[in-house]
N, C-alpha and C. Protein backbone atom coordinates (compact mmCIF):
# COMPACT_ATOMS: atom_id res chain seq x y z
N MET A 1 22.65 32.75 -20.68
CA MET A 1 22.36 32.45 -18.86
C MET A 1 21.15 32.13 -19.30
N LYS A 2 20.31 32.47 -19.70
CA LYS A 2 18.70 32.05 -19.76
C LYS A 2 18.59 30.85 -20.30
N GLN A 3 19.35 30.15 -20.90
CA GLN A 3 19.54 29.00 -22.03
C GLN A 3 19.67 28.07 -20.93
N ILE A 4 20.66 27.94 -20.04
CA ILE A 4 21.56 27.20 -18.93
C ILE A 4 19.92 26.91 -17.92
N VAL A 5 19.62 28.28 -17.67
CA VAL A 5 18.55 27.88 -16.51
C VAL A 5 17.37 27.47 -16.66
N VAL A 6 17.15 27.27 -18.20
CA VAL A 6 16.29 26.24 -18.59
C VAL A 6 16.32 25.34 -18.61
N ILE A 7 17.18 24.44 -19.46
CA ILE A 7 17.72 23.52 -19.43
C ILE A 7 17.37 22.81 -18.03
N VAL A 8 18.50 23.42 -17.08
CA VAL A 8 18.50 22.93 -15.59
C VAL A 8 16.59 23.17 -15.38
N ALA A 9 16.03 23.59 -15.43
CA ALA A 9 14.51 23.60 -14.63
C ALA A 9 13.76 22.74 -15.48
N VAL A 10 14.15 22.31 -16.44
CA VAL A 10 13.61 21.30 -17.58
C VAL A 10 13.87 19.90 -16.90
N PHE A 11 15.34 20.01 -17.04
CA PHE A 11 15.64 18.40 -16.40
C PHE A 11 15.33 18.59 -15.13
N VAL A 12 15.52 19.26 -14.17
CA VAL A 12 14.70 19.36 -12.94
C VAL A 12 13.35 18.78 -12.77
N PHE A 13 12.30 19.51 -13.43
CA PHE A 13 10.89 19.10 -13.77
C PHE A 13 11.11 17.24 -13.78
N PHE A 14 12.07 16.81 -15.44
CA PHE A 14 11.83 15.79 -15.61
C PHE A 14 12.19 14.69 -14.58
N PHE A 15 13.52 15.15 -14.13
CA PHE A 15 14.18 13.95 -12.59
C PHE A 15 12.70 14.03 -12.19
N SER A 16 11.95 15.19 -11.53
CA SER A 16 11.05 15.30 -10.34
C SER A 16 9.80 14.45 -10.72
N TYR A 17 9.35 14.42 -11.98
CA TYR A 17 8.19 13.88 -12.78
C TYR A 17 8.31 12.36 -12.53
N ASN A 18 9.96 11.52 -13.35
CA ASN A 18 10.26 10.17 -13.01
C ASN A 18 10.07 9.83 -11.66
N ILE A 19 10.73 10.60 -10.53
CA ILE A 19 10.52 10.00 -8.92
C ILE A 19 9.04 9.89 -8.44
N ALA A 20 8.29 10.64 -8.73
CA ALA A 20 7.02 10.76 -8.43
C ALA A 20 6.16 9.41 -9.17
N GLN A 21 6.26 9.24 -10.18
CA GLN A 21 6.15 7.98 -10.81
C GLN A 21 6.12 6.58 -10.39
N ALA A 22 7.63 6.55 -9.53
CA ALA A 22 7.51 5.10 -8.53
C ALA A 22 6.77 4.75 -8.16
N GLN A 23 6.74 3.64 -8.32
CA GLN A 23 5.45 2.24 -7.74
C GLN A 23 5.68 2.72 -5.89
N THR A 24 4.50 2.63 -5.12
CA THR A 24 4.82 2.22 -3.81
C THR A 24 4.95 1.17 -3.37
N LYS A 25 5.46 0.68 -2.84
CA LYS A 25 4.92 -0.68 -1.88
C LYS A 25 4.14 -1.29 -2.31
N GLU A 26 2.53 -0.32 -1.79
CA GLU A 26 1.47 -1.30 -1.77
C GLU A 26 1.21 -1.44 -3.24
N GLU A 27 1.16 -0.51 -4.54
CA GLU A 27 1.36 -0.72 -5.11
C GLU A 27 1.85 -2.01 -6.15
N THR A 28 3.40 -2.42 -5.57
CA THR A 28 4.17 -3.39 -5.60
C THR A 28 3.48 -4.98 -5.34
N ILE A 29 2.83 -4.77 -4.27
CA ILE A 29 2.47 -5.77 -3.55
C ILE A 29 1.12 -6.07 -4.08
N SER A 30 0.29 -5.21 -4.21
CA SER A 30 -0.85 -5.22 -5.08
C SER A 30 -0.43 -5.79 -6.68
N TRP A 31 0.25 -5.23 -7.61
CA TRP A 31 1.17 -5.78 -8.51
C TRP A 31 1.12 -7.73 -8.93
N ILE A 32 1.99 -7.93 -7.60
CA ILE A 32 2.53 -8.99 -7.42
C ILE A 32 1.93 -10.05 -7.14
N LYS A 33 0.73 -9.90 -5.86
CA LYS A 33 -0.53 -10.45 -5.80
C LYS A 33 -1.45 -10.36 -6.95
N GLU A 34 -1.89 -9.95 -7.78
CA GLU A 34 -2.98 -9.94 -8.76
C GLU A 34 -1.87 -10.94 -10.14
N LYS A 35 -0.89 -10.79 -10.53
CA LYS A 35 -0.04 -11.89 -10.81
C LYS A 35 0.04 -13.41 -10.94
N ILE A 36 0.38 -13.30 -9.43
CA ILE A 36 0.74 -14.97 -8.83
C ILE A 36 -1.04 -15.38 -8.72
N ASN A 37 -2.12 -14.90 -8.43
CA ASN A 37 -3.59 -15.26 -8.39
C ASN A 37 -3.82 -15.61 -10.32
N LYS A 38 -3.11 -14.39 -10.81
CA LYS A 38 -4.10 -14.47 -12.14
C LYS A 38 -2.81 -16.67 -12.94
N TYR A 39 -2.18 -16.49 -12.62
CA TYR A 39 -1.23 -17.41 -13.18
C TYR A 39 -0.59 -18.84 -12.31
N LYS A 40 -0.80 -19.04 -11.14
CA LYS A 40 -0.38 -20.00 -10.16
C LYS A 40 -1.62 -21.18 -10.90
N ARG A 41 -0.69 -22.10 -10.70
CA ARG A 41 -1.00 -23.12 -11.22
C ARG A 41 -0.68 -24.60 -10.05
N LYS A 42 -1.34 -25.66 -10.11
CA LYS A 42 -0.52 -26.56 -9.44
C LYS A 42 0.54 -27.54 -9.95
N TYR A 43 1.47 -27.71 -8.93
CA TYR A 43 2.48 -28.01 -9.09
C TYR A 43 2.53 -29.37 -9.45
N ALA A 44 1.53 -30.26 -9.02
CA ALA A 44 1.58 -31.89 -9.87
C ALA A 44 0.36 -31.86 -9.45
N SER A 45 0.09 -32.98 -10.05
CA SER A 45 -1.17 -33.48 -10.20
C SER A 45 -1.98 -33.69 -8.60
N ASP A 46 -1.13 -34.16 -7.26
CA ASP A 46 -1.84 -34.14 -6.19
C ASP A 46 -1.90 -33.09 -5.43
N TYR A 47 -1.58 -31.88 -6.03
CA TYR A 47 -1.58 -30.77 -5.25
C TYR A 47 -2.55 -29.78 -5.47
N SER A 48 -3.34 -29.31 -4.39
CA SER A 48 -4.23 -28.11 -4.68
C SER A 48 -3.45 -26.63 -5.13
N ILE A 49 -4.24 -25.79 -5.79
CA ILE A 49 -4.09 -24.41 -6.37
C ILE A 49 -2.89 -23.81 -5.31
N PRO A 50 -2.13 -23.02 -5.09
CA PRO A 50 -1.90 -22.34 -4.00
C PRO A 50 -2.88 -21.21 -3.71
N SER A 51 -2.84 -20.50 -2.82
CA SER A 51 -3.33 -19.84 -2.56
C SER A 51 -2.38 -18.96 -1.46
N ILE A 52 -2.74 -17.35 -1.99
CA ILE A 52 -1.69 -16.19 -0.97
C ILE A 52 -2.46 -15.86 0.50
N GLU A 53 -1.50 -16.05 1.53
CA GLU A 53 -1.98 -16.28 2.50
C GLU A 53 -1.57 -14.30 3.12
N SER A 54 -0.56 -14.03 2.66
CA SER A 54 0.14 -12.36 3.03
C SER A 54 1.13 -12.50 2.07
N ILE A 55 1.00 -11.10 2.06
CA ILE A 55 2.38 -10.85 1.30
C ILE A 55 3.19 -9.56 2.10
N ASN A 56 4.05 -9.30 2.67
CA ASN A 56 4.82 -7.70 2.74
C ASN A 56 6.27 -7.67 1.85
N GLU A 57 6.98 -6.61 2.57
CA GLU A 57 7.94 -6.51 2.34
C GLU A 57 8.89 -7.49 2.03
N CYS A 58 9.12 -8.17 3.29
CA CYS A 58 10.13 -9.13 3.49
C CYS A 58 9.61 -10.56 2.58
N GLU A 59 8.36 -11.05 3.06
CA GLU A 59 7.98 -12.75 2.32
C GLU A 59 6.90 -12.53 1.83
N ILE A 60 6.63 -13.46 0.73
CA ILE A 60 5.47 -13.91 1.03
C ILE A 60 5.11 -15.54 1.88
N THR A 61 3.42 -15.55 2.09
CA THR A 61 3.00 -16.83 2.62
C THR A 61 2.44 -17.43 1.66
N LEU A 62 2.43 -18.42 1.53
CA LEU A 62 1.25 -19.60 0.15
C LEU A 62 0.92 -20.48 1.39
N LYS A 63 0.02 -20.77 0.54
CA LYS A 63 -0.61 -22.39 1.87
C LYS A 63 -1.45 -22.99 0.48
N TYR A 64 -1.12 -24.30 0.68
CA TYR A 64 -1.69 -25.03 -0.52
C TYR A 64 -2.03 -26.71 0.33
N ASP A 65 -2.84 -27.72 -0.67
CA ASP A 65 -2.75 -29.34 0.32
C ASP A 65 -1.93 -30.14 -0.49
N ARG A 66 -1.94 -31.27 -0.12
CA ARG A 66 -1.57 -32.48 -1.18
C ARG A 66 -2.66 -33.70 -0.91
N GLY A 67 -2.95 -34.51 -1.42
CA GLY A 67 -4.04 -35.62 -1.55
C GLY A 67 -4.39 -35.57 -3.07
N HIS A 68 -5.53 -36.30 -3.37
CA HIS A 68 -6.51 -36.39 -4.11
C HIS A 68 -7.61 -36.13 -3.77
N ASP A 69 -8.88 -35.32 -4.46
CA ASP A 69 -10.17 -35.09 -4.16
C ASP A 69 -10.23 -34.27 -2.94
N GLU A 70 -11.25 -35.85 -2.41
CA GLU A 70 -11.47 -35.50 -0.64
C GLU A 70 -10.57 -35.65 0.29
N ASN A 71 -9.74 -36.40 -0.10
CA ASN A 71 -8.10 -37.27 0.22
C ASN A 71 -7.08 -36.48 0.64
N VAL A 72 -7.39 -35.23 1.21
CA VAL A 72 -6.27 -34.53 1.76
C VAL A 72 -5.24 -35.01 2.73
N TRP A 73 -4.33 -35.44 2.42
CA TRP A 73 -3.07 -35.82 3.80
C TRP A 73 -2.10 -35.40 4.21
N ALA A 74 -1.86 -33.74 3.40
CA ALA A 74 -0.85 -33.22 4.15
C ALA A 74 -1.51 -31.53 3.94
N ASN A 75 -1.29 -30.58 4.70
CA ASN A 75 -1.35 -28.82 4.49
C ASN A 75 0.01 -28.58 4.50
N TYR A 76 0.38 -27.74 3.60
CA TYR A 76 1.87 -27.19 3.53
C TYR A 76 1.79 -25.53 3.10
N THR A 77 2.89 -25.06 3.91
CA THR A 77 2.85 -23.43 4.38
C THR A 77 3.96 -23.57 3.39
N VAL A 78 4.08 -22.42 2.86
CA VAL A 78 5.18 -21.99 2.14
C VAL A 78 5.94 -20.21 2.19
N VAL A 79 6.76 -20.08 2.77
CA VAL A 79 7.06 -18.75 3.00
C VAL A 79 8.44 -18.19 2.13
N ILE A 80 7.99 -17.58 1.41
CA ILE A 80 9.39 -17.30 0.35
C ILE A 80 9.96 -15.80 0.19
N PRO A 81 11.43 -15.43 0.99
CA PRO A 81 11.75 -14.08 1.35
C PRO A 81 11.63 -13.82 -0.15
N THR A 82 11.52 -12.24 -0.29
CA THR A 82 11.49 -11.26 -1.04
C THR A 82 13.01 -11.40 -1.79
N SER A 83 14.10 -11.53 -0.95
CA SER A 83 15.05 -10.80 -1.43
C SER A 83 15.97 -12.52 -1.98
N GLY A 84 16.48 -12.63 -3.44
CA GLY A 84 16.99 -13.21 -4.14
C GLY A 84 16.18 -14.70 -4.93
N VAL A 85 15.02 -13.62 -4.91
CA VAL A 85 13.78 -14.66 -5.70
C VAL A 85 14.27 -14.93 -7.25
N LEU A 86 14.32 -16.17 -7.86
CA LEU A 86 14.48 -16.35 -9.15
C LEU A 86 13.19 -17.35 -9.38
N ILE A 87 12.92 -17.04 -10.95
CA ILE A 87 11.77 -18.13 -11.19
C ILE A 87 12.24 -18.66 -12.69
N ASP A 88 12.13 -19.73 -13.14
CA ASP A 88 13.12 -21.03 -13.67
C ASP A 88 12.23 -20.96 -15.12
N GLY A 89 12.32 -21.03 -16.15
CA GLY A 89 11.92 -21.14 -17.50
C GLY A 89 10.85 -22.05 -17.01
N ASP A 90 10.49 -23.07 -16.06
CA ASP A 90 8.87 -23.78 -16.00
C ASP A 90 8.26 -22.89 -15.10
N GLY A 91 8.28 -21.93 -14.64
CA GLY A 91 7.77 -21.11 -13.72
C GLY A 91 8.15 -21.34 -12.32
N ASP A 92 8.74 -22.22 -11.68
CA ASP A 92 8.94 -22.66 -10.44
C ASP A 92 9.55 -21.36 -9.89
N ILE A 93 8.95 -20.90 -8.62
CA ILE A 93 9.47 -20.13 -8.19
C ILE A 93 10.89 -20.43 -6.98
N ARG A 94 11.80 -19.81 -7.20
CA ARG A 94 13.08 -20.37 -6.52
C ARG A 94 13.77 -19.60 -5.82
N SER A 95 15.02 -19.92 -4.72
CA SER A 95 15.56 -18.82 -4.37
C SER A 95 17.08 -19.16 -4.44
N ARG A 96 17.78 -18.00 -4.63
CA ARG A 96 19.49 -18.12 -4.76
C ARG A 96 20.03 -18.83 -3.46
N GLU A 97 19.32 -19.05 -2.22
CA GLU A 97 19.78 -19.74 -1.16
C GLU A 97 18.52 -20.62 -0.89
N GLU A 98 19.65 -21.71 0.19
CA GLU A 98 17.97 -22.40 1.00
C GLU A 98 17.23 -21.65 2.17
N SER A 99 16.54 -20.84 1.67
CA SER A 99 15.99 -19.69 2.11
C SER A 99 14.33 -19.79 2.16
N ILE A 100 14.03 -21.00 1.55
CA ILE A 100 12.30 -20.98 1.40
C ILE A 100 11.76 -21.83 2.54
N ARG A 101 11.02 -21.61 3.65
CA ARG A 101 10.58 -22.50 4.56
C ARG A 101 9.48 -22.83 4.14
N VAL A 102 9.77 -24.56 3.91
CA VAL A 102 8.31 -25.23 3.47
C VAL A 102 7.92 -26.00 5.25
N GLU A 103 6.58 -25.82 5.32
CA GLU A 103 5.54 -26.48 6.76
C GLU A 103 4.84 -27.18 6.26
N LYS A 104 5.51 -28.38 6.91
CA LYS A 104 4.72 -29.69 6.35
C LYS A 104 3.51 -30.33 7.63
N HIS A 105 2.42 -30.42 7.44
CA HIS A 105 1.57 -30.74 8.61
C HIS A 105 0.90 -31.98 8.07
N TYR A 106 1.47 -33.16 8.23
CA TYR A 106 0.65 -34.33 8.02
C TYR A 106 -0.76 -34.28 8.97
N ILE A 107 -1.86 -34.65 7.75
CA ILE A 107 -3.60 -34.65 8.91
C ILE A 107 -3.56 -35.88 10.05
N GLU A 108 -2.89 -37.12 9.16
CA GLU A 108 -3.56 -38.32 9.66
C GLU A 108 -2.76 -38.21 11.34
N ASN A 109 -1.91 -38.44 10.85
CA ASN A 109 -1.00 -38.56 12.39
C ASN A 109 -0.63 -37.27 13.09
N GLY A 110 -0.92 -36.13 12.35
CA GLY A 110 -0.88 -34.98 13.07
C GLY A 110 0.84 -34.67 13.22
N ASN A 111 1.53 -35.13 12.63
CA ASN A 111 3.19 -34.76 12.53
C ASN A 111 3.31 -33.16 12.12
N SER A 112 4.21 -32.57 12.48
CA SER A 112 4.40 -31.56 11.70
C SER A 112 6.41 -31.05 11.46
N PHE A 113 7.09 -30.23 10.49
CA PHE A 113 8.10 -29.83 10.90
C PHE A 113 8.38 -29.04 9.67
N SER A 114 9.40 -28.28 9.48
CA SER A 114 10.50 -27.15 9.02
C SER A 114 10.91 -27.83 8.15
N GLU A 115 11.65 -27.22 6.94
CA GLU A 115 12.67 -27.28 6.53
C GLU A 115 12.48 -25.97 5.70
N PHE A 116 13.81 -26.11 4.69
CA PHE A 116 14.74 -25.05 4.72
C PHE A 116 14.96 -25.79 2.76
N ASN A 117 14.69 -24.96 2.12
CA ASN A 117 14.76 -25.53 0.88
C ASN A 117 15.01 -24.48 -0.37
N LYS A 118 15.35 -24.64 -1.82
CA LYS A 118 15.67 -23.46 -3.13
C LYS A 118 14.16 -23.57 -3.36
N ARG A 119 13.73 -24.76 -3.86
CA ARG A 119 12.45 -24.84 -4.31
C ARG A 119 11.03 -24.45 -3.45
N SER A 120 9.96 -24.30 -4.51
CA SER A 120 9.12 -23.83 -3.49
C SER A 120 7.68 -24.54 -3.44
N SER A 121 7.85 -25.28 -4.61
CA SER A 121 6.39 -26.07 -5.38
C SER A 121 5.41 -25.07 -5.43
N ILE A 122 5.76 -23.96 -6.28
CA ILE A 122 5.16 -22.57 -6.57
C ILE A 122 5.03 -22.35 -7.78
N ASP A 123 4.30 -22.63 -8.83
CA ASP A 123 4.23 -22.75 -10.20
C ASP A 123 3.43 -21.99 -10.81
N LEU A 124 4.22 -21.43 -11.83
CA LEU A 124 3.31 -19.99 -12.27
C LEU A 124 2.84 -20.59 -14.15
N ALA A 125 2.36 -20.08 -14.42
CA ALA A 125 1.88 -20.51 -16.04
C ALA A 125 2.67 -19.34 -16.97
N LYS A 126 3.26 -19.40 -18.04
CA LYS A 126 3.52 -18.38 -19.00
C LYS A 126 2.47 -17.88 -19.71
N GLY A 127 1.87 -16.71 -18.84
CA GLY A 127 0.56 -15.90 -19.59
C GLY A 127 1.10 -14.03 -20.16
N GLU A 128 1.46 -14.31 -19.83
CA GLU A 128 2.40 -12.36 -20.45
C GLU A 128 3.82 -12.72 -20.76
N TYR A 129 4.02 -11.82 -21.93
CA TYR A 129 5.81 -11.65 -22.48
C TYR A 129 6.41 -11.35 -21.05
N ASP A 130 7.23 -11.45 -20.47
CA ASP A 130 8.70 -11.27 -19.59
C ASP A 130 7.95 -11.71 -18.19
N LEU A 131 7.16 -12.23 -18.33
CA LEU A 131 6.32 -11.82 -16.70
C LEU A 131 7.22 -12.66 -15.65
N TYR A 132 8.44 -13.84 -16.03
CA TYR A 132 9.10 -13.94 -14.93
C TYR A 132 10.44 -13.24 -14.50
N ALA A 133 10.37 -12.69 -15.30
CA ALA A 133 11.65 -11.76 -15.11
C ALA A 133 11.25 -10.21 -14.60
N ARG A 134 9.73 -9.58 -14.91
CA ARG A 134 9.19 -9.10 -14.40
C ARG A 134 8.93 -9.26 -12.98
N LEU A 135 8.69 -10.54 -12.51
CA LEU A 135 8.10 -10.46 -11.13
C LEU A 135 9.26 -10.96 -10.16
N VAL A 136 10.64 -11.62 -10.74
CA VAL A 136 11.66 -11.11 -10.25
C VAL A 136 12.06 -9.94 -10.00
N LYS A 137 12.13 -8.95 -11.16
CA LYS A 137 12.32 -7.46 -10.13
C LYS A 137 11.01 -6.71 -9.36
N GLY A 138 10.04 -7.04 -9.37
CA GLY A 138 9.19 -6.51 -8.45
C GLY A 138 9.32 -7.50 -7.11
N PHE A 139 9.69 -8.53 -6.93
CA PHE A 139 10.70 -8.71 -5.86
C PHE A 139 11.54 -8.10 -5.24
N ALA A 140 12.55 -8.14 -6.19
CA ALA A 140 13.68 -7.04 -5.84
C ALA A 140 13.30 -5.77 -5.08
N TYR A 141 12.50 -4.93 -5.50
CA TYR A 141 11.79 -3.71 -5.75
C TYR A 141 11.41 -4.08 -3.83
N LEU A 142 10.64 -4.87 -4.23
CA LEU A 142 9.92 -4.90 -2.42
C LEU A 142 10.86 -5.03 -1.69
N ASN A 143 11.76 -6.16 -1.91
CA ASN A 143 12.49 -6.43 -0.62
C ASN A 143 13.10 -5.39 -0.22
N LYS A 144 13.47 -3.77 -1.34
CA LYS A 144 14.24 -2.82 -0.90
C LYS A 144 13.43 -1.93 0.54
N PHE A 145 12.54 -2.12 0.74
CA PHE A 145 11.29 -1.88 1.63
C PHE A 145 11.43 -2.32 3.03
N CYS A 146 12.00 -3.57 2.90
CA CYS A 146 12.02 -4.63 4.06
C CYS A 146 13.42 -4.16 4.76
N PRO A 147 12.89 -4.09 6.38
CA PRO A 147 13.99 -3.29 7.31
C PRO A 147 15.54 -4.95 7.21
N VAL A 148 16.79 -3.79 7.68
CA VAL A 148 17.76 -4.50 7.79
C VAL A 148 17.56 -5.05 8.79
N ARG A 149 17.93 -6.21 9.16
CA ARG A 149 17.98 -6.95 10.78
C ARG A 149 19.45 -6.96 10.86
N LYS A 150 20.39 -5.88 11.96
CA LYS A 150 21.16 -5.65 12.76
C LYS A 150 21.05 -6.98 13.57
N GLU A 151 23.07 -7.28 13.14
CA GLU A 151 23.54 -8.53 14.28
C GLU A 151 23.94 -7.37 15.55
N PRO A 152 23.82 -8.49 16.75
CA PRO A 152 23.98 -7.30 18.12
C PRO A 152 25.60 -7.22 18.15
N PHE A 153 26.41 -8.32 17.40
CA PHE A 153 27.50 -8.63 17.30
C PHE A 153 28.35 -8.26 16.25
């Protein structure tokens, strides 16, 4: 009987220890921000390197400019939901659905518009072993903290 009690006590200790070691929402946000800031790169030669505007449990917002040198002709804001994030083999952050909101503002004529895409134009370099898969898992874990919106009907 004592052996059963000891085994159960050890099991409970290790189980509770593993739960205590889970990352918090803030730690996950910090880790994702660190990896994106470290490995972000230009999508194309006429794009600036994106900057993280904000990140929370439901979405990440990045900004970048498009143009050459001092001649910037468009500003972009990219809002990527934390649900359904994919990162392809080239490091392009994508979505399973057309849920990535891309807002474009053209400087010269002042026109602005938004569209939804599967691609984000946010590129990451390969810098660490299994980085893309770990980031996808990080986004999925972070999304667990996102409140579920209830439909009225």
